[in-house]
PDB file of N, CA and C in Angstrom:
ATOM      1  N   MET A   1      -7.413 -28.288  -8.246  1.00  0.00           N
ATOM      2  CA  MET A   1      -7.292 -28.876  -9.415  1.00  0.00           C
ATOM      3  C   MET A   1      -6.211 -28.105 -10.600  1.00  0.00           C
ATOM      4  N   LEU A   2      -5.556 -28.824 -11.242  1.00  0.00           N
ATOM      5  CA  LEU A   2      -4.510 -27.950 -12.259  1.00  0.00           C
ATOM      6  C   LEU A   2      -5.334 -26.936 -12.888  1.00  0.00           C
ATOM      7  N   THR A   3      -4.260 -25.900 -13.356  1.00  0.00           N
ATOM      8  CA  THR A   3      -4.879 -24.912 -14.030  1.00  0.00           C
ATOM      9  C   THR A   3      -4.962 -25.378 -15.781  1.00  0.00           C
ATOM     10  N   ARG A   4      -5.652 -24.502 -16.418  1.00  0.00           N
ATOM     11  CA  ARG A   4      -5.469 -24.895 -17.971  1.00  0.00           C
ATOM     12  C   ARG A   4      -4.080 -25.087 -18.478  1.00  0.00           C
ATOM     13  N   GLU A   5      -3.201 -24.149 -18.209  1.00  0.00           N
ATOM     14  CA  GLU A   5      -1.623 -23.731 -18.673  1.00  0.00           C
ATOM     15  C   GLU A   5      -1.024 -25.185 -17.835  1.00  0.00           C
ATOM     16  N   GLN A   6      -1.224 -25.527 -16.955  1.00  0.00           N
ATOM     17  CA  GLN A   6      -0.705 -26.831 -16.467  1.00  0.00           C
ATOM     18  C   GLN A   6      -0.767 -27.936 -17.193  1.00  0.00           C
ATOM     19  N   ILE A   7      -2.171 -28.182 -17.188  1.00  0.00           N
ATOM     20  CA  ILE A   7      -2.692 -29.383 -18.179  1.00  0.00           C
ATOM     21  C   ILE A   7      -1.759 -29.443 -19.695  1.00  0.00           C
ATOM     22  N   VAL A   8      -2.118 -28.089 -20.317  1.00  0.00           N
ATOM     23  CA  VAL A   8      -1.246 -28.328 -21.548  1.00  0.00           C
ATOM     24  C   VAL A   8       0.369 -28.321 -21.287  1.00  0.00           C
ATOM     25  N   GLU A   9       0.648 -28.177 -20.613  1.00  0.00           N
ATOM     26  CA  GLU A   9       2.423 -28.147 -20.128  1.00  0.00           C
ATOM     27  C   GLU A   9       2.461 -29.721 -19.963  1.00  0.00           C
ATOM     28  N   ALA A  10       1.905 -30.380 -19.100  1.00  0.00           N
ATOM     29  CA  ALA A  10       1.991 -32.043 -18.815  1.00  0.00           C
ATOM     30  C   ALA A  10       1.242 -32.468 -20.212  1.00  0.00           C
ATOM     31  N   LEU A  11       0.431 -32.142 -20.766  1.00  0.00           N
ATOM     32  CA  LEU A  11       0.277 -32.611 -22.142  1.00  0.00           C
ATOM     33  C   LEU A  11       1.093 -32.777 -23.252  1.00  0.00           C
ATOM     34  N   LYS A  12       1.926 -31.451 -23.255  1.00  0.00           N
ATOM     35  CA  LYS A  12       3.045 -31.458 -24.219  1.00  0.00           C
ATOM     36  C   LYS A  12       4.388 -32.136 -24.043  1.00  0.00           C
ATOM     37  N   LEU A  13       4.369 -32.317 -22.295  1.00  0.00           N
ATOM     38  CA  LEU A  13       5.599 -33.150 -21.980  1.00  0.00           C
ATOM     39  C   LEU A  13       5.130 -34.706 -22.600  1.00  0.00           C
ATOM     40  N   ALA A  14       3.813 -35.056 -22.276  1.00  0.00           N
ATOM     41  CA  ALA A  14       3.644 -36.544 -22.881  1.00  0.00           C
ATOM     42  C   ALA A  14       4.000 -36.409 -24.470  1.00  0.00           C
ATOM     43  N   GLU A  15       3.308 -35.605 -24.846  1.00  0.00           N
ATOM     44  CA  GLU A  15       3.672 -35.594 -26.540  1.00  0.00           C
ATOM     45  C   GLU A  15       5.167 -35.446 -26.906  1.00  0.00           C
ATOM     46  N   GLN A  16       5.899 -34.966 -25.965  1.00  0.00           N
ATOM     47  CA  GLN A  16       7.276 -35.078 -26.506  1.00  0.00           C
ATOM     48  C   GLN A  16       7.985 -36.511 -26.015  1.00  0.00           C
ATOM     49  N   ALA A  17       7.170 -37.069 -25.389  1.00  0.00           N
ATOM     50  CA  ALA A  17       7.512 -38.634 -25.023  1.00  0.00           C
ATOM     51  C   ALA A  17       7.160 -39.532 -25.740  1.00  0.00           C
ATOM     52  N   GLY A  18       6.343 -39.452 -26.675  1.00  0.00           N
ATOM     53  CA  GLY A  18       5.671 -40.161 -27.735  1.00  0.00           C
ATOM     54  C   GLY A  18       4.298 -40.349 -27.338  1.00  0.00           C
ATOM     55  N   ILE A  19       3.678 -40.110 -26.557  1.00  0.00           N
ATOM     56  CA  ILE A  19       2.374 -40.189 -26.474  1.00  0.00           C
ATOM     57  C   ILE A  19       1.442 -40.026 -27.283  1.00  0.00           C
ATOM     58  N   ALA A  20       0.761 -39.929 -28.173  1.00  0.00           N
ATOM     59  CA  ALA A  20      -0.366 -39.339 -29.046  1.00  0.00           C
ATOM     60  C   ALA A  20      -1.430 -39.135 -28.176  1.00  0.00           C
ATOM     61  N   LEU A  21      -2.235 -37.743 -28.420  1.00  0.00           N
ATOM     62  CA  LEU A  21      -3.413 -37.318 -27.832  1.00  0.00           C
ATOM     63  C   LEU A  21      -4.498 -37.770 -29.085  1.00  0.00           C
ATOM     64  N   VAL A  22      -5.388 -38.972 -28.499  1.00  0.00           N
ATOM     65  CA  VAL A  22      -6.451 -39.383 -28.876  1.00  0.00           C
ATOM     66  C   VAL A  22      -7.968 -39.331 -28.459  1.00  0.00           C
ATOM     67  N   CYS A  23      -8.693 -38.305 -28.826  1.00  0.00           N
ATOM     68  CA  CYS A  23     -10.070 -38.341 -28.219  1.00  0.00           C
ATOM     69  C   CYS A  23     -10.996 -39.529 -28.813  1.00  0.00           C
ATOM     70  N   GLN A  24     -11.598 -40.338 -28.313  1.00  0.00           N
ATOM     71  CA  GLN A  24     -12.828 -41.171 -28.612  1.00  0.00           C
ATOM     72  C   GLN A  24     -14.126 -40.390 -28.310  1.00  0.00           C
ATOM     73  N   GLY A  25     -15.113 -40.468 -29.427  1.00  0.00           N
ATOM     74  CA  GLY A  25     -16.189 -40.011 -28.661  1.00  0.00           C
ATOM     75  C   GLY A  25     -17.300 -40.392 -29.704  1.00  0.00           C
ATOM     76  N   ARG A  26     -18.608 -40.281 -29.189  1.00  0.00           N
ATOM     77  CA  ARG A  26     -19.864 -40.983 -30.161  1.00  0.00           C
ATOM     78  C   ARG A  26     -19.957 -40.645 -31.178  1.00  0.00           C
ATOM     79  N   ALA A  27     -20.284 -41.171 -32.407  1.00  0.00           N
ATOM     80  CA  ALA A  27     -20.702 -40.765 -33.557  1.00  0.00           C
ATOM     81  C   ALA A  27     -21.601 -41.842 -34.210  1.00  0.00           C
ATOM     82  N   PRO A  28     -22.540 -41.139 -35.407  1.00  0.00           N
ATOM     83  CA  PRO A  28     -23.484 -42.301 -35.762  1.00  0.00           C
ATOM     84  C   PRO A  28     -23.140 -43.473 -36.057  1.00  0.00           C
ATOM     85  N   GLY A  29     -23.700 -44.716 -35.427  1.00  0.00           N
ATOM     86  CA  GLY A  29     -22.807 -45.962 -35.659  1.00  0.00           C
ATOM     87  C   GLY A  29     -22.089 -46.631 -35.306  1.00  0.00           C
ATOM     88  N   GLY A  30     -21.662 -45.556 -34.011  1.00  0.00           N
ATOM     89  CA  GLY A  30     -20.488 -46.142 -32.957  1.00  0.00           C
ATOM     90  C   GLY A  30     -20.016 -44.961 -32.222  1.00  0.00           C
ATOM     91  N   TYR A  31     -18.508 -44.938 -32.597  1.00  0.00           N
ATOM     92  CA  TYR A  31     -17.487 -44.317 -32.102  1.00  0.00           C
ATOM     93  C   TYR A  31     -16.453 -43.618 -33.456  1.00  0.00           C
ATOM     94  N   SER A  32     -16.135 -42.740 -33.504  1.00  0.00           N
ATOM     95  CA  SER A  32     -14.812 -42.189 -33.739  1.00  0.00           C
ATOM     96  C   SER A  32     -13.562 -41.836 -33.120  1.00  0.00           C
ATOM     97  N   SER A  33     -12.514 -41.842 -34.052  1.00  0.00           N
ATOM     98  CA  SER A  33     -11.299 -41.513 -32.856  1.00  0.00           C
ATOM     99  C   SER A  33     -10.669 -40.341 -33.722  1.00  0.00           C
ATOM    100  N   TYR A  34     -10.052 -39.287 -32.992  1.00  0.00           N
ATOM    101  CA  TYR A  34      -9.704 -37.864 -33.468  1.00  0.00           C
ATOM    102  C   TYR A  34      -8.170 -37.803 -32.839  1.00  0.00           C
ATOM    103  N   SER A  35      -7.256 -37.440 -33.463  1.00  0.00           N
ATOM    104  CA  SER A  35      -6.074 -36.820 -33.018  1.00  0.00           C
ATOM    105  C   SER A  35      -6.436 -35.455 -32.503  1.00  0.00           C
ATOM    106  N   VAL A  36      -5.779 -35.171 -31.196  1.00  0.00           N
ATOM    107  CA  VAL A  36      -6.404 -33.805 -30.516  1.00  0.00           C
ATOM    108  C   VAL A  36      -5.116 -32.754 -30.246  1.00  0.00           C
ATOM    109  N   GLU A  37      -5.381 -31.831 -29.905  1.00  0.00           N
ATOM    110  CA  GLU A  37      -4.227 -30.942 -29.425  1.00  0.00           C
ATOM    111  C   GLU A  37      -4.113 -30.533 -28.110  1.00  0.00           C
ATOM    112  N   ALA A  38      -3.394 -30.637 -27.547  1.00  0.00           N
ATOM    113  CA  ALA A  38      -3.184 -30.616 -25.905  1.00  0.00           C
ATOM    114  C   ALA A  38      -3.833 -29.133 -25.473  1.00  0.00           C
ATOM    115  N   GLU A  39      -4.096 -28.243 -26.188  1.00  0.00           N
ATOM    116  CA  GLU A  39      -4.843 -27.013 -25.947  1.00  0.00           C
ATOM    117  C   GLU A  39      -6.448 -27.411 -25.670  1.00  0.00           C
ATOM    118  N   ASP A  40      -6.823 -28.059 -26.911  1.00  0.00           N
ATOM    119  CA  ASP A  40      -8.388 -28.551 -26.635  1.00  0.00           C
ATOM    120  C   ASP A  40      -8.699 -29.622 -25.684  1.00  0.00           C
ATOM    121  N   VAL A  41      -7.805 -30.472 -25.637  1.00  0.00           N
ATOM    122  CA  VAL A  41      -7.976 -31.169 -24.169  1.00  0.00           C
ATOM    123  C   VAL A  41      -7.928 -30.432 -23.020  1.00  0.00           C
ATOM    124  N   ALA A  42      -6.962 -29.625 -22.574  1.00  0.00           N
ATOM    125  CA  ALA A  42      -7.070 -29.370 -21.524  1.00  0.00           C
ATOM    126  C   ALA A  42      -8.418 -28.218 -21.484  1.00  0.00           C
ATOM    127  N   ALA A  43      -8.870 -27.249 -22.533  1.00  0.00           N
ATOM    128  CA  ALA A  43     -10.136 -26.581 -22.510  1.00  0.00           C
ATOM    129  C   ALA A  43     -11.231 -27.623 -22.026  1.00  0.00           C
ATOM    130  N   HIS A  44     -11.191 -28.784 -22.527  1.00  0.00           N
ATOM    131  CA  HIS A  44     -12.316 -29.778 -22.234  1.00  0.00           C
ATOM    132  C   HIS A  44     -12.035 -30.056 -20.506  1.00  0.00           C
ATOM    133  N   ILE A  45     -11.195 -30.149 -20.386  1.00  0.00           N
ATOM    134  CA  ILE A  45     -10.944 -30.681 -18.855  1.00  0.00           C
ATOM    135  C   ILE A  45     -11.352 -29.549 -17.819  1.00  0.00           C
ATOM    136  N   VAL A  46     -11.110 -28.305 -18.182  1.00  0.00           N
ATOM    137  CA  VAL A  46     -11.568 -27.444 -17.501  1.00  0.00           C
ATOM    138  C   VAL A  46     -13.016 -27.152 -17.656  1.00  0.00           C
ATOM    139  N   GLY A  47     -13.831 -27.504 -18.607  1.00  0.00           N
ATOM    140  CA  GLY A  47     -15.273 -27.177 -18.817  1.00  0.00           C
ATOM    141  C   GLY A  47     -15.361 -25.921 -19.987  1.00  0.00           C
ATOM    142  N   GLU A  48     -14.339 -25.554 -20.577  1.00  0.00           N
ATOM    143  CA  GLU A  48     -14.217 -24.409 -21.607  1.00  0.00           C
ATOM    144  C   GLU A  48     -15.122 -24.868 -22.981  1.00  0.00           C
ATOM    145  N   ILE A  49     -14.766 -26.026 -23.291  1.00  0.00           N
ATOM    146  CA  ILE A  49     -15.495 -26.658 -24.217  1.00  0.00           C
ATOM    147  C   ILE A  49     -15.839 -28.174 -24.099  1.00  0.00           C
ATOM    148  N   ASN A  50     -16.825 -28.519 -25.179  1.00  0.00           N
ATOM    149  CA  ASN A  50     -17.310 -29.914 -25.349  1.00  0.00           C
ATOM    150  C   ASN A  50     -16.502 -30.656 -26.481  1.00  0.00           C
ATOM    151  N   LEU A  51     -15.574 -31.488 -26.062  1.00  0.00           N
ATOM    152  CA  LEU A  51     -14.409 -31.789 -26.916  1.00  0.00           C
ATOM    153  C   LEU A  51     -14.917 -32.790 -28.468  1.00  0.00           C
ATOM    154  N   PRO A  52     -15.916 -33.622 -28.037  1.00  0.00           N
ATOM    155  CA  PRO A  52     -16.702 -34.313 -29.454  1.00  0.00           C
ATOM    156  C   PRO A  52     -17.171 -33.081 -30.220  1.00  0.00           C
ATOM    157  N   ALA A  53     -17.802 -32.817 -29.453  1.00  0.00           N
ATOM    158  CA  ALA A  53     -18.846 -31.434 -30.431  1.00  0.00           C
ATOM    159  C   ALA A  53     -17.637 -30.575 -31.152  1.00  0.00           C
ATOM    160  N   HIS A  54     -16.557 -30.147 -30.359  1.00  0.00           N
ATOM    161  CA  HIS A  54     -15.641 -28.944 -31.047  1.00  0.00           C
ATOM    162  C   HIS A  54     -15.227 -29.726 -31.951  1.00  0.00           C
ATOM    163  N   LEU A  55     -14.584 -31.168 -32.045  1.00  0.00           N
ATOM    164  CA  LEU A  55     -13.797 -31.483 -32.994  1.00  0.00           C
ATOM    165  C   LEU A  55     -14.700 -32.067 -34.160  1.00  0.00           C
ATOM    166  N   ASN A  56     -15.987 -31.834 -34.065  1.00  0.00           N
ATOM    167  CA  ASN A  56     -17.037 -32.233 -35.270  1.00  0.00           C
ATOM    168  C   ASN A  56     -17.525 -30.887 -35.816  1.00  0.00           C
ATOM    169  N   GLY A  57     -17.090 -29.780 -35.097  1.00  0.00           N
ATOM    170  CA  GLY A  57     -17.955 -28.557 -35.709  1.00  0.00           C
ATOM    171  C   GLY A  57     -19.320 -28.156 -34.937  1.00  0.00           C
ATOM    172  N   LEU A  58     -19.510 -29.017 -34.440  1.00  0.00           N
ATOM    173  CA  LEU A  58     -20.863 -28.554 -33.552  1.00  0.00           C
ATOM    174  C   LEU A  58     -20.982 -27.964 -32.215  1.00  0.00           C
ATOM    175  N   SER A  59     -22.183 -27.474 -32.264  1.00  0.00           N
ATOM    176  CA  SER A  59     -22.288 -26.763 -30.823  1.00  0.00           C
ATOM    177  C   SER A  59     -22.692 -28.100 -30.012  1.00  0.00           C
ATOM    178  N   PRO A  60     -22.775 -27.945 -28.752  1.00  0.00           N
ATOM    179  CA  PRO A  60     -23.089 -29.084 -27.721  1.00  0.00           C
ATOM    180  C   PRO A  60     -24.258 -29.674 -27.916  1.00  0.00           C
ATOM    181  N   GLU A  61     -25.569 -28.785 -27.966  1.00  0.00           N
ATOM    182  CA  GLU A  61     -26.793 -29.368 -28.254  1.00  0.00           C
ATOM    183  C   GLU A  61     -26.868 -29.940 -30.039  1.00  0.00           C
ATOM    184  N   GLU A  62     -26.089 -29.242 -30.695  1.00  0.00           N
ATOM    185  CA  GLU A  62     -26.192 -30.035 -32.389  1.00  0.00           C
ATOM    186  C   GLU A  62     -25.566 -31.510 -32.087  1.00  0.00           C
ATOM    187  N   TYR A  63     -24.714 -31.672 -31.221  1.00  0.00           N
ATOM    188  CA  TYR A  63     -23.753 -32.738 -31.227  1.00  0.00           C
ATOM    189  C   TYR A  63     -24.500 -34.009 -30.685  1.00  0.00           C
ATOM    190  N   GLU A  64     -25.476 -33.722 -30.114  1.00  0.00           N
ATOM    191  CA  GLU A  64     -26.080 -34.357 -28.922  1.00  0.00           C
ATOM    192  C   GLU A  64     -27.423 -34.922 -30.043  1.00  0.00           C
ATOM    193  N   GLU A  65     -27.814 -33.548 -30.791  1.00  0.00           N
ATOM    194  CA  GLU A  65     -28.942 -33.956 -31.573  1.00  0.00           C
ATOM    195  C   GLU A  65     -28.535 -35.108 -32.642  1.00  0.00           C
ATOM    196  N   TRP A  66     -27.250 -34.939 -33.388  1.00  0.00           N
ATOM    197  CA  TRP A  66     -26.925 -35.652 -34.123  1.00  0.00           C
ATOM    198  C   TRP A  66     -26.562 -37.235 -33.815  1.00  0.00           C
ATOM    199  N   ILE A  67     -26.048 -37.337 -32.435  1.00  0.00           N
ATOM    200  CA  ILE A  67     -26.131 -38.630 -32.095  1.00  0.00           C
ATOM    201  C   ILE A  67     -27.220 -39.030 -31.960  1.00  0.00           C
ATOM    202  N   ARG A  68     -28.344 -38.621 -31.275  1.00  0.00           N
ATOM    203  CA  ARG A  68     -29.682 -39.229 -30.677  1.00  0.00           C
ATOM    204  C   ARG A  68     -30.589 -39.657 -31.995  1.00  0.00           C
ATOM    205  N   LEU A  69     -30.158 -38.699 -32.914  1.00  0.00           N
ATOM    206  CA  LEU A  69     -30.906 -39.065 -34.411  1.00  0.00           C
ATOM    207  C   LEU A  69     -30.134 -40.202 -35.383  1.00  0.00           C
ATOM    208  N   ASP A  70     -28.875 -40.522 -34.989  1.00  0.00           N
ATOM    209  CA  ASP A  70     -28.006 -41.603 -35.484  1.00  0.00           C
ATOM    210  C   ASP A  70     -27.418 -40.585 -37.094  1.00  0.00           C
ATOM    211  N   GLY A  71     -27.354 -39.495 -36.975  1.00  0.00           N
ATOM    212  CA  GLY A  71     -27.050 -38.871 -38.223  1.00  0.00           C
ATOM    213  C   GLY A  71     -27.990 -38.596 -39.156  1.00  0.00           C
ATOM    214  N   SER A  72     -29.692 -38.677 -39.147  1.00  0.00           N
ATOM    215  CA  SER A  72     -30.576 -38.268 -39.633  1.00  0.00           C
ATOM    216  C   SER A  72     -30.760 -37.232 -39.315  1.00  0.00           C
ATOM    217  N   VAL A  73     -31.828 -36.440 -40.010  1.00  0.00           N
ATOM    218  CA  VAL A  73     -31.855 -34.706 -39.948  1.00  0.00           C
ATOM    219  C   VAL A  73     -33.373 -35.052 -39.730  1.00  0.00           C
ATOM    220  N   GLN A  74     -33.686 -34.168 -38.322  1.00  0.00           N
ATOM    221  CA  GLN A  74     -35.460 -34.778 -38.010  1.00  0.00           C
ATOM    222  C   GLN A  74     -35.941 -33.443 -38.718  1.00  0.00           C
ATOM    223  N   CYS A  75     -37.416 -33.774 -39.595  1.00  0.00           N
ATOM    224  CA  CYS A  75     -38.012 -32.762 -40.088  1.00  0.00           C
ATOM    225  C   CYS A  75     -38.504 -31.747 -39.127  1.00  0.00           C
ATOM    226  N   TYR A  76     -38.532 -30.196 -39.622  1.00  0.00           N
ATOM    227  CA  TYR A  76     -38.944 -29.361 -39.027  1.00  0.00           C
ATOM    228  C   TYR A  76     -40.456 -28.808 -39.004  1.00  0.00           C
ATOM    229  N   ALA A  77     -41.244 -29.342 -39.946  1.00  0.00           N
ATOM    230  CA  ALA A  77     -42.693 -29.401 -39.833  1.00  0.00           C
ATOM    231  C   ALA A  77     -42.903 -29.304 -38.509  1.00  0.00           C
ATOM    232  N   THR A  78     -44.223 -28.759 -38.002  1.00  0.00           N
ATOM    233  CA  THR A  78     -45.107 -28.670 -36.605  1.00  0.00           C
ATOM    234  C   THR A  78     -46.458 -29.809 -36.866  1.00  0.00           C
ATOM    235  N   THR A  79     -46.314 -30.411 -35.856  1.00  0.00           N
ATOM    236  CA  THR A  79     -47.611 -31.240 -36.186  1.00  0.00           C
ATOM    237  C   THR A  79     -48.954 -30.446 -35.947  1.00  0.00           C
ATOM    238  N   GLN A  80     -49.938 -31.219 -36.150  1.00  0.00           N
ATOM    239  CA  GLN A  80     -51.549 -30.632 -35.722  1.00  0.00           C
ATOM    240  C   GLN A  80     -51.657 -30.336 -34.150  1.00  0.00           C
ATOM    241  N   GLY A  81     -50.812 -31.292 -33.583  1.00  0.00           N
ATOM    242  CA  GLY A  81     -50.294 -30.949 -32.202  1.00  0.00           C
ATOM    243  C   GLY A  81     -49.793 -29.946 -31.794  1.00  0.00           C
ATOM    244  N   GLY A  82     -49.049 -29.370 -32.772  1.00  0.00           N
ATOM    245  CA  GLY A  82     -48.137 -28.298 -32.046  1.00  0.00           C
ATOM    246  C   GLY A  82     -46.625 -28.750 -31.893  1.00  0.00           C
ATOM    247  N   ARG A  83     -46.439 -29.880 -32.069  1.00  0.00           N
ATOM    248  CA  ARG A  83     -44.917 -30.195 -31.856  1.00  0.00           C
ATOM    249  C   ARG A  83     -44.399 -30.700 -33.019  1.00  0.00           C
ATOM    250  N   ARG A  84     -42.958 -30.960 -33.273  1.00  0.00           N
ATOM    251  CA  ARG A  84     -41.909 -31.010 -34.177  1.00  0.00           C
ATOM    252  C   ARG A  84     -42.224 -32.444 -34.484  1.00  0.00           C
ATOM    253  N   CYS A  85     -42.596 -32.564 -35.692  1.00  0.00           N
ATOM    254  CA  CYS A  85     -42.484 -33.829 -36.624  1.00  0.00           C
ATOM    255  C   CYS A  85     -41.588 -34.611 -35.795  1.00  0.00           C
ATOM    256  N   LYS A  86     -41.959 -36.072 -35.895  1.00  0.00           N
ATOM    257  CA  LYS A  86     -40.935 -36.413 -35.771  1.00  0.00           C
ATOM    258  C   LYS A  86     -40.117 -37.657 -36.760  1.00  0.00           C
ATOM    259  N   GLY A  87     -40.714 -37.315 -38.171  1.00  0.00           N
ATOM    260  CA  GLY A  87     -39.985 -37.913 -39.607  1.00  0.00           C
ATOM    261  C   GLY A  87     -38.717 -37.112 -39.574  1.00  0.00           C
ATOM    262  N   CYS A  88     -37.959 -37.771 -40.395  1.00  0.00           N
ATOM    263  CA  CYS A  88     -36.609 -37.686 -41.109  1.00  0.00           C
ATOM    264  C   CYS A  88     -36.704 -37.137 -42.375  1.00  0.00           C
ATOM    265  N   ALA A  89     -35.858 -36.272 -42.289  1.00  0.00           N
ATOM    266  CA  ALA A  89     -35.588 -35.719 -43.801  1.00  0.00           C
ATOM    267  C   ALA A  89     -34.912 -36.935 -44.713  1.00  0.00           C
ATOM    268  N   PRO A  90     -35.452 -36.613 -45.644  1.00  0.00           N
ATOM    269  CA  PRO A  90     -34.875 -37.856 -47.073  1.00  0.00           C
ATOM    270  C   PRO A  90     -33.361 -37.776 -47.061  1.00  0.00           C
ATOM    271  N   GLY A  91     -32.715 -38.822 -47.423  1.00  0.00           N
ATOM    272  CA  GLY A  91     -31.273 -39.078 -47.634  1.00  0.00           C
ATOM    273  C   GLY A  91     -30.524 -40.240 -46.821  1.00  0.00           C
ATOM    274  N   GLY A  92     -31.653 -40.893 -45.727  1.00  0.00           N
ATOM    275  CA  GLY A  92     -30.542 -41.860 -44.964  1.00  0.00           C
ATOM    276  C   GLY A  92     -30.000 -41.387 -43.639  1.00  0.00           C
ATOM    277  N   SER A  93     -29.572 -42.003 -43.101  1.00  0.00           N
ATOM    278  CA  SER A  93     -28.844 -41.853 -41.597  1.00  0.00           C
ATOM    279  C   SER A  93     -27.420 -42.040 -41.753  1.00  0.00           C
ATOM    280  N   GLN A  94     -26.728 -41.786 -40.673  1.00  0.00           N
ATOM    281  CA  GLN A  94     -25.495 -41.945 -40.478  1.00  0.00           C
ATOM    282  C   GLN A  94     -24.628 -41.096 -40.935  1.00  0.00           C
ATOM    283  N   ARG A  95     -25.076 -39.903 -41.267  1.00  0.00           N
ATOM    284  CA  ARG A  95     -24.331 -38.624 -41.909  1.00  0.00           C
ATOM    285  C   ARG A  95     -22.900 -38.082 -41.362  1.00  0.00           C
ATOM    286  N   ASN A  96     -22.130 -37.929 -41.894  1.00  0.00           N
ATOM    287  CA  ASN A  96     -20.802 -37.143 -41.315  1.00  0.00           C
ATOM    288  C   ASN A  96     -21.430 -36.039 -40.428  1.00  0.00           C
ATOM    289  N   ALA A  97     -20.679 -35.204 -39.764  1.00  0.00           N
ATOM    290  CA  ALA A  97     -21.221 -33.996 -38.815  1.00  0.00           C
ATOM    291  C   ALA A  97     -21.576 -32.747 -39.516  1.00  0.00           C
ATOM    292  N   GLN A  98     -20.491 -32.572 -40.539  1.00  0.00           N
ATOM    293  CA  GLN A  98     -20.600 -31.664 -41.452  1.00  0.00           C
ATOM    294  C   GLN A  98     -22.116 -31.448 -42.652  1.00  0.00           C
ATOM    295  N   GLU A  99     -22.011 -32.831 -43.506  1.00  0.00           N
ATOM    296  CA  GLU A  99     -23.118 -33.245 -43.856  1.00  0.00           C
ATOM    297  C   GLU A  99     -24.490 -32.784 -43.307  1.00  0.00           C
ATOM    298  N   TRP A 100     -24.494 -33.552 -41.826  1.00  0.00           N
ATOM    299  CA  TRP A 100     -25.646 -33.222 -41.126  1.00  0.00           C
ATOM    300  C   TRP A 100     -25.874 -32.140 -40.662  1.00  0.00           C
ATOM    301  N   LYS A 101     -24.679 -30.939 -40.526  1.00  0.00           N
ATOM    302  CA  LYS A 101     -25.190 -29.713 -40.180  1.00  0.00           C
ATOM    303  C   LYS A 101     -25.960 -28.713 -41.430  1.00  0.00           C
ATOM    304  N   GLU A 102     -25.112 -28.779 -42.571  1.00  0.00           N
ATOM    305  CA  GLU A 102     -25.242 -28.489 -43.552  1.00  0.00           C
ATOM    306  C   GLU A 102     -26.842 -28.811 -43.797  1.00  0.00           C
ATOM    307  N   LEU A 103     -27.497 -29.864 -43.927  1.00  0.00           N
ATOM    308  CA  LEU A 103     -28.751 -30.202 -44.018  1.00  0.00           C
ATOM    309  C   LEU A 103     -29.617 -29.895 -43.041  1.00  0.00           C
ATOM    310  N   ASN A 104     -29.400 -29.980 -41.744  1.00  0.00           N
ATOM    311  CA  ASN A 104     -30.209 -29.415 -40.574  1.00  0.00           C
ATOM    312  C   ASN A 104     -30.156 -28.142 -40.676  1.00  0.00           C
ATOM    313  N   ASP A 105     -29.151 -27.107 -41.079  1.00  0.00           N
ATOM    314  CA  ASP A 105     -29.673 -25.845 -41.395  1.00  0.00           C
ATOM    315  C   ASP A 105     -30.400 -25.505 -42.196  1.00  0.00           C
ATOM    316  N   THR A 106     -30.702 -26.213 -43.291  1.00  0.00           N
ATOM    317  CA  THR A 106     -31.715 -25.701 -44.068  1.00  0.00           C
ATOM    318  C   THR A 106     -33.043 -26.126 -43.541  1.00  0.00           C
ATOM    319  N   LYS A 107     -33.419 -26.627 -42.427  1.00  0.00           N
ATOM    320  CA  LYS A 107     -34.756 -26.721 -41.886  1.00  0.00           C
ATOM    321  C   LYS A 107     -35.578 -27.710 -43.106  1.00  0.00           C
ATOM    322  N   PRO A 108     -35.189 -28.689 -43.291  1.00  0.00           N
ATOM    323  CA  PRO A 108     -36.086 -29.614 -44.094  1.00  0.00           C
ATOM    324  C   PRO A 108     -37.161 -30.478 -43.717  1.00  0.00           C
ATOM    325  N   TYR A 109     -37.933 -30.994 -44.607  1.00  0.00           N
ATOM    326  CA  TYR A 109     -39.198 -31.624 -44.291  1.00  0.00           C
ATOM    327  C   TYR A 109     -38.891 -33.117 -44.536  1.00  0.00           C
ATOM    328  N   CYS A 110     -39.572 -33.748 -44.112  1.00  0.00           N
ATOM    329  CA  CYS A 110     -39.607 -35.249 -44.252  1.00  0.00           C
ATOM    330  C   CYS A 110     -40.858 -35.547 -45.543  1.00  0.00           C
ATOM    331  N   THR A 111     -40.575 -36.454 -46.371  1.00  0.00           N
ATOM    332  CA  THR A 111     -41.600 -36.708 -47.320  1.00  0.00           C
ATOM    333  C   THR A 111     -43.023 -36.350 -46.966  1.00  0.00           C
ATOM    334  N   THR A 112     -43.333 -36.550 -45.813  1.00  0.00           N
ATOM    335  CA  THR A 112     -44.760 -36.490 -45.407  1.00  0.00           C
ATOM    336  C   THR A 112     -45.171 -35.050 -45.679  1.00  0.00           C
ATOM    337  N   HIS A 113     -44.480 -34.295 -45.486  1.00  0.00           N
ATOM    338  CA  HIS A 113     -44.706 -32.373 -45.273  1.00  0.00           C
ATOM    339  C   HIS A 113     -43.780 -32.333 -46.209  1.00  0.00           C
ATOM    340  N   GLY A 114     -43.714 -32.654 -47.107  1.00  0.00           N
ATOM    341  CA  GLY A 114     -43.087 -32.090 -48.581  1.00  0.00           C
ATOM    342  C   GLY A 114     -41.742 -32.056 -48.764  1.00  0.00           C
ATOM    343  N   GLY A 115     -40.828 -32.855 -48.484  1.00  0.00           N
ATOM    344  CA  GLY A 115     -39.504 -32.867 -48.273  1.00  0.00           C
ATOM    345  C   GLY A 115     -38.567 -33.924 -49.215  1.00  0.00           C
TER     346      GLY A 115
END
């Protein structure tokens, strides 16, 4: 396998030849495209980062939750059965990553649990 440095070098040569580096990643409602740097692509290839999560400012776990919930934020209340409520905080779905993270970090409740 190529080293991270070799991958960066090859990608920079591609850029010099007029090739744009673009990542397409899952997002609520479908997919989004992002311009990317050679260093980030190389880091993803060698397993140092999860590129779509990184580009959205989320951890890999947060990214998967954001996608799974279609941009909605899950209620943080605990049910009588001891599980996390499956309801969502008010405000809709398909939030962008930053809006989702800001709301998720407040650990909100659904309307049933006082949100």
